[in-house]
C-alpha atoms as a PDB file:
ATOM      1  CA  MET A   1     -35.123 -15.620  -8.857  1.00  0.00           C
ATOM      2  CA  THR A   2     -37.981 -18.000  -9.241  1.00  0.00           C
ATOM      3  CA  GLY A   3     -36.305 -20.621 -11.313  1.00  0.00           C
ATOM      4  CA  TYR A   4     -36.962 -24.340 -11.346  1.00  0.00           C
ATOM      5  CA  PHE A   5     -36.177 -24.855  -7.664  1.00  0.00           C
ATOM      6  CA  MET A   6     -38.386 -21.898  -6.744  1.00  0.00           C
ATOM      7  CA  HIS A   7     -41.507 -23.255  -8.393  1.00  0.00           C
ATOM      8  CA  ARG A   8     -41.110 -27.008  -8.574  1.00  0.00           C
ATOM      9  CA  ALA A   9     -43.277 -27.919  -5.585  1.00  0.00           C
ATOM     10  CA  LYS A  10     -46.636 -27.360  -7.311  1.00  0.00           C
ATOM     11  CA  CYS A  11     -46.216 -25.797 -10.716  1.00  0.00           C
ATOM     12  CA  VAL A  12     -45.538 -29.022 -12.661  1.00  0.00           C
ATOM     13  CA  ALA A  13     -49.064 -30.323 -12.175  1.00  0.00           C
ATOM     14  CA  ALA A  14     -50.567 -26.872 -12.598  1.00  0.00           C
ATOM     15  CA  GLY A  15     -48.582 -26.252 -15.734  1.00  0.00           C
ATOM     16  CA  LEU A  16     -49.570 -29.535 -17.303  1.00  0.00           C
ATOM     17  CA  ALA A  17     -53.191 -28.709 -16.587  1.00  0.00           C
ATOM     18  CA  ALA A  18     -52.740 -25.396 -18.375  1.00  0.00           C
ATOM     19  CA  LEU A  19     -51.287 -27.131 -21.412  1.00  0.00           C
ATOM     20  CA  VAL A  20     -54.018 -29.757 -21.430  1.00  0.00           C
ATOM     21  CA  SER A  21     -56.640 -27.006 -21.338  1.00  0.00           C
ATOM     22  CA  THR A  22     -55.233 -25.578 -24.553  1.00  0.00           C
ATOM     23  CA  ALA A  23     -54.729 -29.003 -26.164  1.00  0.00           C
ATOM     24  CA  ILE A  24     -51.042 -28.575 -26.879  1.00  0.00           C
ATOM     25  CA  LEU A  25     -48.921 -31.309 -25.359  1.00  0.00           C
ATOM     26  CA  PRO A  26     -45.862 -33.052 -26.796  1.00  0.00           C
ATOM     27  CA  THR A  27     -46.349 -36.684 -27.677  1.00  0.00           C
ATOM     28  CA  ALA A  28     -43.874 -39.082 -26.111  1.00  0.00           C
ATOM     29  CA  ALA A  29     -43.235 -40.889 -29.394  1.00  0.00           C
ATOM     30  CA  ALA A  30     -42.211 -37.671 -31.124  1.00  0.00           C
ATOM     31  CA  ALA A  31     -39.912 -36.305 -28.409  1.00  0.00           C
ATOM     32  CA  ALA A  32     -36.723 -34.751 -29.756  1.00  0.00           C
ATOM     33  CA  GLN A  33     -33.439 -36.237 -28.531  1.00  0.00           C
ATOM     34  CA  CYS A  34     -31.934 -34.398 -25.555  1.00  0.00           C
ATOM     35  CA  GLY A  35     -28.223 -33.761 -25.038  1.00  0.00           C
ATOM     36  CA  ASN A  36     -25.711 -32.855 -22.334  1.00  0.00           C
ATOM     37  CA  ASP A  37     -23.669 -30.283 -24.231  1.00  0.00           C
ATOM     38  CA  GLY A  38     -24.262 -27.841 -27.039  1.00  0.00           C
ATOM     39  CA  SER A  39     -23.137 -30.097 -29.878  1.00  0.00           C
ATOM     40  CA  GLY A  40     -26.568 -31.518 -30.616  1.00  0.00           C
ATOM     41  CA  PHE A  41     -28.622 -28.389 -29.988  1.00  0.00           C
ATOM     42  CA  ALA A  42     -29.196 -27.388 -33.616  1.00  0.00           C
ATOM     43  CA  ALA A  43     -30.381 -30.894 -34.516  1.00  0.00           C
ATOM     44  CA  TRP A  44     -32.651 -30.903 -31.465  1.00  0.00           C
ATOM     45  CA  VAL A  45     -34.200 -27.592 -32.511  1.00  0.00           C
ATOM     46  CA  ALA A  46     -34.968 -28.987 -35.956  1.00  0.00           C
ATOM     47  CA  GLU A  47     -36.566 -32.097 -34.449  1.00  0.00           C
ATOM     48  CA  PHE A  48     -38.522 -30.113 -31.899  1.00  0.00           C
ATOM     49  CA  LYS A  49     -39.825 -27.771 -34.585  1.00  0.00           C
ATOM     50  CA  GLN A  50     -41.394 -30.706 -36.421  1.00  0.00           C
ATOM     51  CA  GLU A  51     -42.788 -32.128 -33.177  1.00  0.00           C
ATOM     52  CA  ALA A  52     -44.277 -28.781 -32.114  1.00  0.00           C
ATOM     53  CA  ALA A  53     -45.906 -28.228 -35.498  1.00  0.00           C
ATOM     54  CA  GLY A  54     -47.538 -31.638 -35.146  1.00  0.00           C
ATOM     55  CA  ASN A  55     -48.807 -30.607 -31.729  1.00  0.00           C
ATOM     56  CA  GLY A  56     -50.566 -27.505 -32.955  1.00  0.00           C
ATOM     57  CA  ILE A  57     -48.033 -24.668 -32.720  1.00  0.00           C
ATOM     58  CA  SER A  58     -48.233 -22.508 -35.824  1.00  0.00           C
ATOM     59  CA  ARG A  59     -45.411 -22.704 -38.349  1.00  0.00           C
ATOM     60  CA  ALA A  60     -45.160 -18.913 -38.350  1.00  0.00           C
ATOM     61  CA  VAL A  61     -44.497 -18.794 -34.598  1.00  0.00           C
ATOM     62  CA  LEU A  62     -42.027 -21.667 -34.789  1.00  0.00           C
ATOM     63  CA  ASP A  63     -40.132 -19.993 -37.618  1.00  0.00           C
ATOM     64  CA  GLN A  64     -40.120 -16.684 -35.765  1.00  0.00           C
ATOM     65  CA  VAL A  65     -38.976 -18.113 -32.445  1.00  0.00           C
ATOM     66  CA  LEU A  66     -36.755 -21.085 -33.203  1.00  0.00           C
ATOM     67  CA  SER A  67     -34.708 -19.382 -35.895  1.00  0.00           C
ATOM     68  CA  ASN A  68     -33.366 -17.054 -33.193  1.00  0.00           C
ATOM     69  CA  VAL A  69     -32.619 -19.411 -30.305  1.00  0.00           C
ATOM     70  CA  SER A  70     -29.136 -20.548 -29.352  1.00  0.00           C
ATOM     71  CA  TYR A  71     -27.582 -22.839 -26.772  1.00  0.00           C
ATOM     72  CA  ASN A  72     -27.212 -20.742 -23.628  1.00  0.00           C
ATOM     73  CA  ARG A  73     -24.212 -21.721 -21.514  1.00  0.00           C
ATOM     74  CA  ALA A  74     -25.027 -19.105 -18.860  1.00  0.00           C
ATOM     75  CA  THR A  75     -28.343 -20.877 -18.329  1.00  0.00           C
ATOM     76  CA  ILE A  76     -26.607 -24.228 -17.907  1.00  0.00           C
ATOM     77  CA  ARG A  77     -24.156 -22.740 -15.385  1.00  0.00           C
ATOM     78  CA  ALA A  78     -27.014 -21.207 -13.387  1.00  0.00           C
ATOM     79  CA  ASP A  79     -28.944 -24.470 -13.484  1.00  0.00           C
ATOM     80  CA  ARG A  80     -26.045 -26.363 -11.953  1.00  0.00           C
ATOM     81  CA  GLY A  81     -25.781 -24.256  -8.800  1.00  0.00           C
ATOM     82  CA  GLN A  82     -28.094 -21.980  -6.807  1.00  0.00           C
ATOM     83  CA  LYS A  83     -25.717 -21.241  -3.958  1.00  0.00           C
ATOM     84  CA  SER A  84     -27.598 -18.412  -2.272  1.00  0.00           C
ATOM     85  CA  PHE A  85     -30.242 -20.846  -1.028  1.00  0.00           C
ATOM     86  CA  LYS A  86     -27.607 -22.596   1.078  1.00  0.00           C
ATOM     87  CA  LEU A  87     -26.989 -19.471   3.179  1.00  0.00           C
ATOM     88  CA  SER A  88     -28.344 -18.865   6.667  1.00  0.00           C
ATOM     89  CA  LEU A  89     -31.373 -16.578   6.938  1.00  0.00           C
ATOM     90  CA  ASP A  90     -29.240 -13.662   8.139  1.00  0.00           C
ATOM     91  CA  GLN A  91     -26.723 -14.197   5.344  1.00  0.00           C
ATOM     92  CA  PHE A  92     -29.499 -14.488   2.778  1.00  0.00           C
ATOM     93  CA  MET A  93     -31.212 -11.298   3.972  1.00  0.00           C
ATOM     94  CA  GLN A  94     -27.916  -9.438   3.807  1.00  0.00           C
ATOM     95  CA  LYS A  95     -26.975 -10.801   0.392  1.00  0.00           C
ATOM     96  CA  ARG A  96     -30.392 -10.024  -1.098  1.00  0.00           C
ATOM     97  CA  GLY A  97     -30.684  -6.587   0.519  1.00  0.00           C
ATOM     98  CA  GLY A  98     -33.591  -7.342   2.821  1.00  0.00           C
ATOM     99  CA  GLN A  99     -33.509  -4.035   4.707  1.00  0.00           C
ATOM    100  CA  ALA A 100     -33.312  -2.027   1.481  1.00  0.00           C
ATOM    101  CA  ILE A 101     -36.320  -3.931   0.123  1.00  0.00           C
ATOM    102  CA  ILE A 102     -38.253  -3.146   3.311  1.00  0.00           C
ATOM    103  CA  SER A 103     -37.366   0.553   3.153  1.00  0.00           C
ATOM    104  CA  ARG A 104     -38.181   0.989  -0.506  1.00  0.00           C
ATOM    105  CA  GLY A 105     -41.111  -1.399  -0.286  1.00  0.00           C
ATOM    106  CA  LYS A 106     -42.909   0.841   2.194  1.00  0.00           C
ATOM    107  CA  LYS A 107     -42.603   3.703  -0.295  1.00  0.00           C
ATOM    108  CA  MET A 108     -43.830   1.501  -3.137  1.00  0.00           C
ATOM    109  CA  ARG A 109     -46.851   0.533  -1.071  1.00  0.00           C
ATOM    110  CA  ALA A 110     -47.740   4.179  -0.478  1.00  0.00           C
ATOM    111  CA  GLN A 111     -47.145   5.179  -4.098  1.00  0.00           C
ATOM    112  CA  ASN A 112     -49.311   2.320  -5.417  1.00  0.00           C
ATOM    113  CA  ALA A 113     -51.929   2.231  -2.669  1.00  0.00           C
ATOM    114  CA  LYS A 114     -54.895   2.096  -5.048  1.00  0.00           C
ATOM    115  CA  LEU A 115     -53.400  -0.799  -7.025  1.00  0.00           C
ATOM    116  CA  PHE A 116     -52.613  -2.852  -3.925  1.00  0.00           C
ATOM    117  CA  ALA A 117     -56.044  -2.180  -2.452  1.00  0.00           C
ATOM    118  CA  SER A 118     -57.720  -3.430  -5.626  1.00  0.00           C
ATOM    119  CA  ILE A 119     -55.529  -6.542  -5.700  1.00  0.00           C
ATOM    120  CA  GLU A 120     -56.290  -7.349  -2.070  1.00  0.00           C
ATOM    121  CA  GLN A 121     -59.992  -6.866  -2.685  1.00  0.00           C
ATOM    122  CA  ARG A 122     -59.873  -9.208  -5.676  1.00  0.00           C
ATOM    123  CA  PHE A 123     -57.495 -11.919  -4.435  1.00  0.00           C
ATOM    124  CA  GLY A 124     -57.334 -11.482  -0.654  1.00  0.00           C
ATOM    125  CA  VAL A 125     -53.556 -10.991  -0.641  1.00  0.00           C
ATOM    126  CA  PRO A 126     -52.186  -7.895   1.134  1.00  0.00           C
ATOM    127  CA  ALA A 127     -49.447  -5.670  -0.222  1.00  0.00           C
ATOM    128  CA  GLY A 128     -46.592  -6.883   2.003  1.00  0.00           C
ATOM    129  CA  PRO A 129     -45.785 -10.312   0.554  1.00  0.00           C
ATOM    130  CA  LEU A 130     -46.410  -9.098  -3.016  1.00  0.00           C
ATOM    131  CA  ILE A 131     -43.993  -6.202  -2.565  1.00  0.00           C
ATOM    132  CA  ALA A 132     -41.485  -8.505  -0.862  1.00  0.00           C
ATOM    133  CA  ILE A 133     -41.562 -10.860  -3.854  1.00  0.00           C
ATOM    134  CA  TRP A 134     -41.438  -7.959  -6.325  1.00  0.00           C
ATOM    135  CA  GLY A 135     -38.416  -6.462  -4.563  1.00  0.00           C
ATOM    136  CA  MET A 136     -36.637  -9.763  -4.047  1.00  0.00           C
ATOM    137  CA  GLU A 137     -37.092 -10.971  -7.598  1.00  0.00           C
ATOM    138  CA  THR A 138     -36.272  -7.917  -9.718  1.00  0.00           C
ATOM    139  CA  GLY A 139     -35.680  -4.906  -7.475  1.00  0.00           C
ATOM    140  CA  PHE A 140     -39.241  -3.718  -8.191  1.00  0.00           C
ATOM    141  CA  GLY A 141     -38.890  -4.296 -11.905  1.00  0.00           C
ATOM    142  CA  SER A 142     -35.519  -2.593 -12.277  1.00  0.00           C
ATOM    143  CA  PHE A 143     -33.640  -5.717 -13.424  1.00  0.00           C
ATOM    144  CA  LEU A 144     -35.516  -8.527 -15.132  1.00  0.00           C
ATOM    145  CA  GLY A 145     -32.469 -10.503 -16.250  1.00  0.00           C
ATOM    146  CA  LYS A 146     -30.280 -10.429 -19.331  1.00  0.00           C
ATOM    147  CA  GLU A 147     -30.700 -13.873 -20.868  1.00  0.00           C
ATOM    148  CA  HIS A 148     -32.722 -14.389 -24.038  1.00  0.00           C
ATOM    149  CA  THR A 149     -35.850 -16.045 -22.641  1.00  0.00           C
ATOM    150  CA  LEU A 150     -36.636 -18.376 -25.534  1.00  0.00           C
ATOM    151  CA  SER A 151     -32.999 -19.496 -25.747  1.00  0.00           C
ATOM    152  CA  ALA A 152     -32.896 -20.184 -22.006  1.00  0.00           C
ATOM    153  CA  VAL A 153     -36.063 -22.285 -22.065  1.00  0.00           C
ATOM    154  CA  SER A 154     -35.002 -24.066 -25.272  1.00  0.00           C
ATOM    155  CA  THR A 155     -31.605 -24.867 -23.781  1.00  0.00           C
ATOM    156  CA  LEU A 156     -33.160 -26.448 -20.694  1.00  0.00           C
ATOM    157  CA  ALA A 157     -35.701 -28.324 -22.818  1.00  0.00           C
ATOM    158  CA  TYR A 158     -32.801 -29.754 -24.819  1.00  0.00           C
ATOM    159  CA  ASP A 159     -30.634 -30.483 -21.757  1.00  0.00           C
ATOM    160  CA  CYS A 160     -31.198 -34.052 -20.531  1.00  0.00           C
ATOM    161  CA  ARG A 161     -31.286 -33.102 -16.850  1.00  0.00           C
ATOM    162  CA  ARG A 162     -34.956 -32.030 -16.857  1.00  0.00           C
ATOM    163  CA  SER A 163     -35.889 -32.167 -20.513  1.00  0.00           C
ATOM    164  CA  ASP A 164     -39.551 -33.129 -20.047  1.00  0.00           C
ATOM    165  CA  TYR A 165     -40.188 -30.397 -17.479  1.00  0.00           C
ATOM    166  CA  PHE A 166     -38.679 -27.629 -19.586  1.00  0.00           C
ATOM    167  CA  THR A 167     -40.111 -28.955 -22.849  1.00  0.00           C
ATOM    168  CA  ASN A 168     -43.497 -28.198 -21.326  1.00  0.00           C
ATOM    169  CA  GLN A 169     -42.188 -24.757 -20.338  1.00  0.00           C
ATOM    170  CA  LEU A 170     -41.122 -24.214 -23.947  1.00  0.00           C
ATOM    171  CA  TYR A 171     -44.547 -25.166 -25.256  1.00  0.00           C
ATOM    172  CA  ALA A 172     -46.036 -22.669 -22.808  1.00  0.00           C
ATOM    173  CA  ALA A 173     -43.626 -19.947 -23.957  1.00  0.00           C
ATOM    174  CA  LEU A 174     -44.580 -20.600 -27.573  1.00  0.00           C
ATOM    175  CA  GLN A 175     -48.242 -20.243 -26.665  1.00  0.00           C
ATOM    176  CA  LEU A 176     -47.483 -16.916 -24.981  1.00  0.00           C
ATOM    177  CA  VAL A 177     -45.743 -15.709 -28.144  1.00  0.00           C
ATOM    178  CA  GLU A 178     -48.680 -16.946 -30.225  1.00  0.00           C
ATOM    179  CA  ARG A 179     -51.212 -14.963 -28.215  1.00  0.00           C
ATOM    180  CA  GLY A 180     -49.056 -11.819 -28.143  1.00  0.00           C
ATOM    181  CA  ASP A 181     -48.124 -11.928 -24.446  1.00  0.00           C
ATOM    182  CA  LEU A 182     -44.400 -12.594 -24.892  1.00  0.00           C
ATOM    183  CA  SER A 183     -41.980 -11.020 -27.330  1.00  0.00           C
ATOM    184  CA  PRO A 184     -39.687 -13.484 -29.148  1.00  0.00           C
ATOM    185  CA  ALA A 185     -36.858 -11.085 -28.269  1.00  0.00           C
ATOM    186  CA  ALA A 186     -37.718 -10.946 -24.538  1.00  0.00           C
ATOM    187  CA  ARG A 187     -34.907 -11.170 -22.016  1.00  0.00           C
ATOM    188  CA  GLY A 188     -35.151 -12.388 -18.471  1.00  0.00           C
ATOM    189  CA  ALA A 189     -33.639 -14.726 -15.897  1.00  0.00           C
ATOM    190  CA  ALA A 190     -31.454 -17.731 -16.561  1.00  0.00           C
ATOM    191  CA  HIS A 191     -34.189 -20.367 -16.369  1.00  0.00           C
ATOM    192  CA  GLY A 192     -36.570 -18.453 -18.619  1.00  0.00           C
ATOM    193  CA  GLU A 193     -38.464 -16.691 -15.838  1.00  0.00           C
ATOM    194  CA  ILE A 194     -40.547 -13.847 -17.192  1.00  0.00           C
ATOM    195  CA  GLY A 195     -41.263 -10.365 -15.954  1.00  0.00           C
ATOM    196  CA  GLN A 196     -41.272  -8.287 -12.806  1.00  0.00           C
ATOM    197  CA  THR A 197     -41.986 -11.157 -10.433  1.00  0.00           C
ATOM    198  CA  GLN A 198     -40.278 -13.854 -12.504  1.00  0.00           C
ATOM    199  CA  PHE A 199     -42.906 -16.375 -13.587  1.00  0.00           C
ATOM    200  CA  LEU A 200     -41.981 -19.466 -15.524  1.00  0.00           C
ATOM    201  CA  PRO A 201     -44.024 -19.679 -18.761  1.00  0.00           C
ATOM    202  CA  LEU A 202     -46.391 -22.386 -17.498  1.00  0.00           C
ATOM    203  CA  ASN A 203     -47.278 -20.243 -14.506  1.00  0.00           C
ATOM    204  CA  VAL A 204     -48.078 -17.314 -16.769  1.00  0.00           C
ATOM    205  CA  LEU A 205     -50.575 -19.548 -18.573  1.00  0.00           C
ATOM    206  CA  LYS A 206     -52.041 -20.860 -15.332  1.00  0.00           C
ATOM    207  CA  TYR A 207     -52.057 -17.775 -13.113  1.00  0.00           C
ATOM    208  CA  GLY A 208     -51.435 -14.798 -15.382  1.00  0.00           C
ATOM    209  CA  VAL A 209     -53.920 -11.947 -14.867  1.00  0.00           C
ATOM    210  CA  ASP A 210     -54.652  -8.864 -16.956  1.00  0.00           C
ATOM    211  CA  GLY A 211     -54.314  -6.447 -14.069  1.00  0.00           C
ATOM    212  CA  ASP A 212     -54.432  -3.227 -16.073  1.00  0.00           C
ATOM    213  CA  GLY A 213     -57.353  -4.182 -18.324  1.00  0.00           C
ATOM    214  CA  ASN A 214     -55.618  -3.832 -21.688  1.00  0.00           C
ATOM    215  CA  GLY A 215     -56.466  -7.338 -22.892  1.00  0.00           C
ATOM    216  CA  HIS A 216     -52.998  -8.848 -22.420  1.00  0.00           C
ATOM    217  CA  VAL A 217     -50.962 -10.378 -19.615  1.00  0.00           C
ATOM    218  CA  ASP A 218     -47.728  -8.410 -19.847  1.00  0.00           C
ATOM    219  CA  MET A 219     -45.490  -9.594 -17.022  1.00  0.00           C
ATOM    220  CA  VAL A 220     -42.601  -7.457 -18.287  1.00  0.00           C
ATOM    221  CA  ARG A 221     -43.988  -3.956 -18.763  1.00  0.00           C
ATOM    222  CA  SER A 222     -47.068  -3.958 -16.543  1.00  0.00           C
ATOM    223  CA  LYS A 223     -46.572  -3.943 -12.781  1.00  0.00           C
ATOM    224  CA  ALA A 224     -50.345  -4.307 -12.408  1.00  0.00           C
ATOM    225  CA  ASP A 225     -50.289  -7.535 -14.424  1.00  0.00           C
ATOM    226  CA  ALA A 226     -47.228  -8.891 -12.612  1.00  0.00           C
ATOM    227  CA  LEU A 227     -48.518  -8.133  -9.117  1.00  0.00           C
ATOM    228  CA  ALA A 228     -52.085  -9.298  -9.762  1.00  0.00           C
ATOM    229  CA  SER A 229     -50.702 -12.515 -11.284  1.00  0.00           C
ATOM    230  CA  THR A 230     -48.522 -13.056  -8.214  1.00  0.00           C
ATOM    231  CA  ALA A 231     -51.546 -12.607  -5.955  1.00  0.00           C
ATOM    232  CA  ASN A 232     -53.473 -15.070  -8.120  1.00  0.00           C
ATOM    233  CA  PHE A 233     -50.599 -17.554  -7.838  1.00  0.00           C
ATOM    234  CA  LEU A 234     -50.661 -17.287  -4.043  1.00  0.00           C
ATOM    235  CA  ARG A 235     -54.450 -17.675  -3.993  1.00  0.00           C
ATOM    236  CA  GLY A 236     -54.093 -20.707  -6.237  1.00  0.00           C
ATOM    237  CA  HIS A 237     -51.711 -22.191  -3.680  1.00  0.00           C
ATOM    238  CA  GLY A 238     -54.141 -21.885  -0.812  1.00  0.00           C
ATOM    239  CA  TRP A 239     -54.002 -18.260   0.322  1.00  0.00           C
ATOM    240  CA  GLN A 240     -56.903 -17.435   2.644  1.00  0.00           C
ATOM    241  CA  PRO A 241     -57.990 -13.781   2.935  1.00  0.00           C
ATOM    242  CA  GLY A 242     -57.298 -12.293   6.337  1.00  0.00           C
ATOM    243  CA  GLY A 243     -55.009 -15.104   7.451  1.00  0.00           C
ATOM    244  CA  GLY A 244     -51.452 -14.698   8.688  1.00  0.00           C
ATOM    245  CA  TYR A 245     -48.461 -15.617   6.582  1.00  0.00           C
ATOM    246  CA  GLN A 246     -45.683 -16.171   9.115  1.00  0.00           C
ATOM    247  CA  PRO A 247     -44.271 -19.678   9.701  1.00  0.00           C
ATOM    248  CA  GLY A 248     -46.978 -21.854  11.213  1.00  0.00           C
ATOM    249  CA  GLU A 249     -49.798 -19.566  10.059  1.00  0.00           C
ATOM    250  CA  VAL A 250     -52.424 -20.456   7.501  1.00  0.00           C
ATOM    251  CA  ASN A 251     -50.922 -18.665   4.499  1.00  0.00           C
ATOM    252  CA  TYR A 252     -47.290 -19.632   4.944  1.00  0.00           C
ATOM    253  CA  GLY A 253     -47.933 -22.667   2.759  1.00  0.00           C
ATOM    254  CA  ALA A 254     -48.789 -20.391  -0.167  1.00  0.00           C
ATOM    255  CA  ILE A 255     -45.405 -18.700   0.203  1.00  0.00           C
ATOM    256  CA  GLN A 256     -43.828 -22.148   0.256  1.00  0.00           C
ATOM    257  CA  GLY A 257     -45.630 -22.839  -3.015  1.00  0.00           C
ATOM    258  CA  TRP A 258     -43.937 -19.811  -4.515  1.00  0.00           C
ATOM    259  CA  ASN A 259     -40.438 -20.900  -3.550  1.00  0.00           C
ATOM    260  CA  ALA A 260     -39.038 -24.202  -2.329  1.00  0.00           C
ATOM    261  CA  ALA A 261     -36.069 -22.649  -0.481  1.00  0.00           C
ATOM    262  CA  SER A 262     -36.739 -22.203   3.244  1.00  0.00           C
ATOM    263  CA  VAL A 263     -34.548 -19.102   3.567  1.00  0.00           C
ATOM    264  CA  TYR A 264     -36.469 -17.449   0.735  1.00  0.00           C
ATOM    265  CA  GLN A 265     -39.805 -18.322   2.341  1.00  0.00           C
ATOM    266  CA  GLN A 266     -38.721 -16.868   5.677  1.00  0.00           C
ATOM    267  CA  ALA A 267     -37.338 -13.729   4.036  1.00  0.00           C
ATOM    268  CA  ILE A 268     -40.615 -13.058   2.191  1.00  0.00           C
ATOM    269  CA  ALA A 269     -42.575 -13.493   5.424  1.00  0.00           C
ATOM    270  CA  ILE A 270     -40.273 -11.157   7.362  1.00  0.00           C
ATOM    271  CA  ILE A 271     -40.071  -8.473   4.681  1.00  0.00           C
ATOM    272  CA  GLY A 272     -43.794  -8.646   3.984  1.00  0.00           C
ATOM    273  CA  ALA A 273     -44.693  -8.209   7.638  1.00  0.00           C
ATOM    274  CA  GLU A 274     -42.427  -5.188   7.946  1.00  0.00           C
ATOM    275  CA  ILE A 275     -44.003  -3.586   4.885  1.00  0.00           C
ATOM    276  CA  ASP A 276     -47.538  -4.373   6.065  1.00  0.00           C
ATOM    277  CA  GLY A 277     -46.689  -3.002   9.508  1.00  0.00           C
ATOM    278  CA  ASP A 278     -47.511  -6.259  11.295  1.00  0.00           C
END
């Protein structure tokens, strides 16, 4: 999954830029008090609600969202250990089903040839790495995660470990709710990652693309939106059309921007090349 460790290399600065562009940023003086267990969560929510209202989030959205969030212990457990990234490449490929992703990914490429051709024409990113990410993250959209997204992000915003980082993610999630691109009831991965390729909320604001032309960026229900947004993310991290994406090649850095774990980067490059036939 593309949790904090998967996106931290570049998305903090990009995410802050996205928030600045929409003029909604928390003020340091008004920051709600973080905590290291669930005992202070309800008080934090009440404080944050007042802070967010002062920073331009509508009262209606705050009432709708924050009345239904709860302290998520599964999120805290996940945040304290991402053990699969400590495996060898072979172990990681086996654990994450690399060969199955390659086999099914080739079929997905054929079945969605028109979509992938249009994405490559627009963003310069071929099908292989997009399908590799799609398969690795959610099994091609078959499992998006079971945690309540707004509770997960709120929990990490409250938790003192990285409160500032995830407070900005929470502001981004609230903006997505406000514009109709995220359901308050949405469920996803443990760190609040959204949709078929698992974007954190700030990255949806920064790189989200309406790939199916319906006027919304729906990372959950629209594979066109999710895949086009992923291509836009890679382009935003330096992807050059026509360049290679294996280690040492020009576009490998964009894959590194997607995920900070070296075994994940290598797996995406390997799986993508197999799917692309390179």
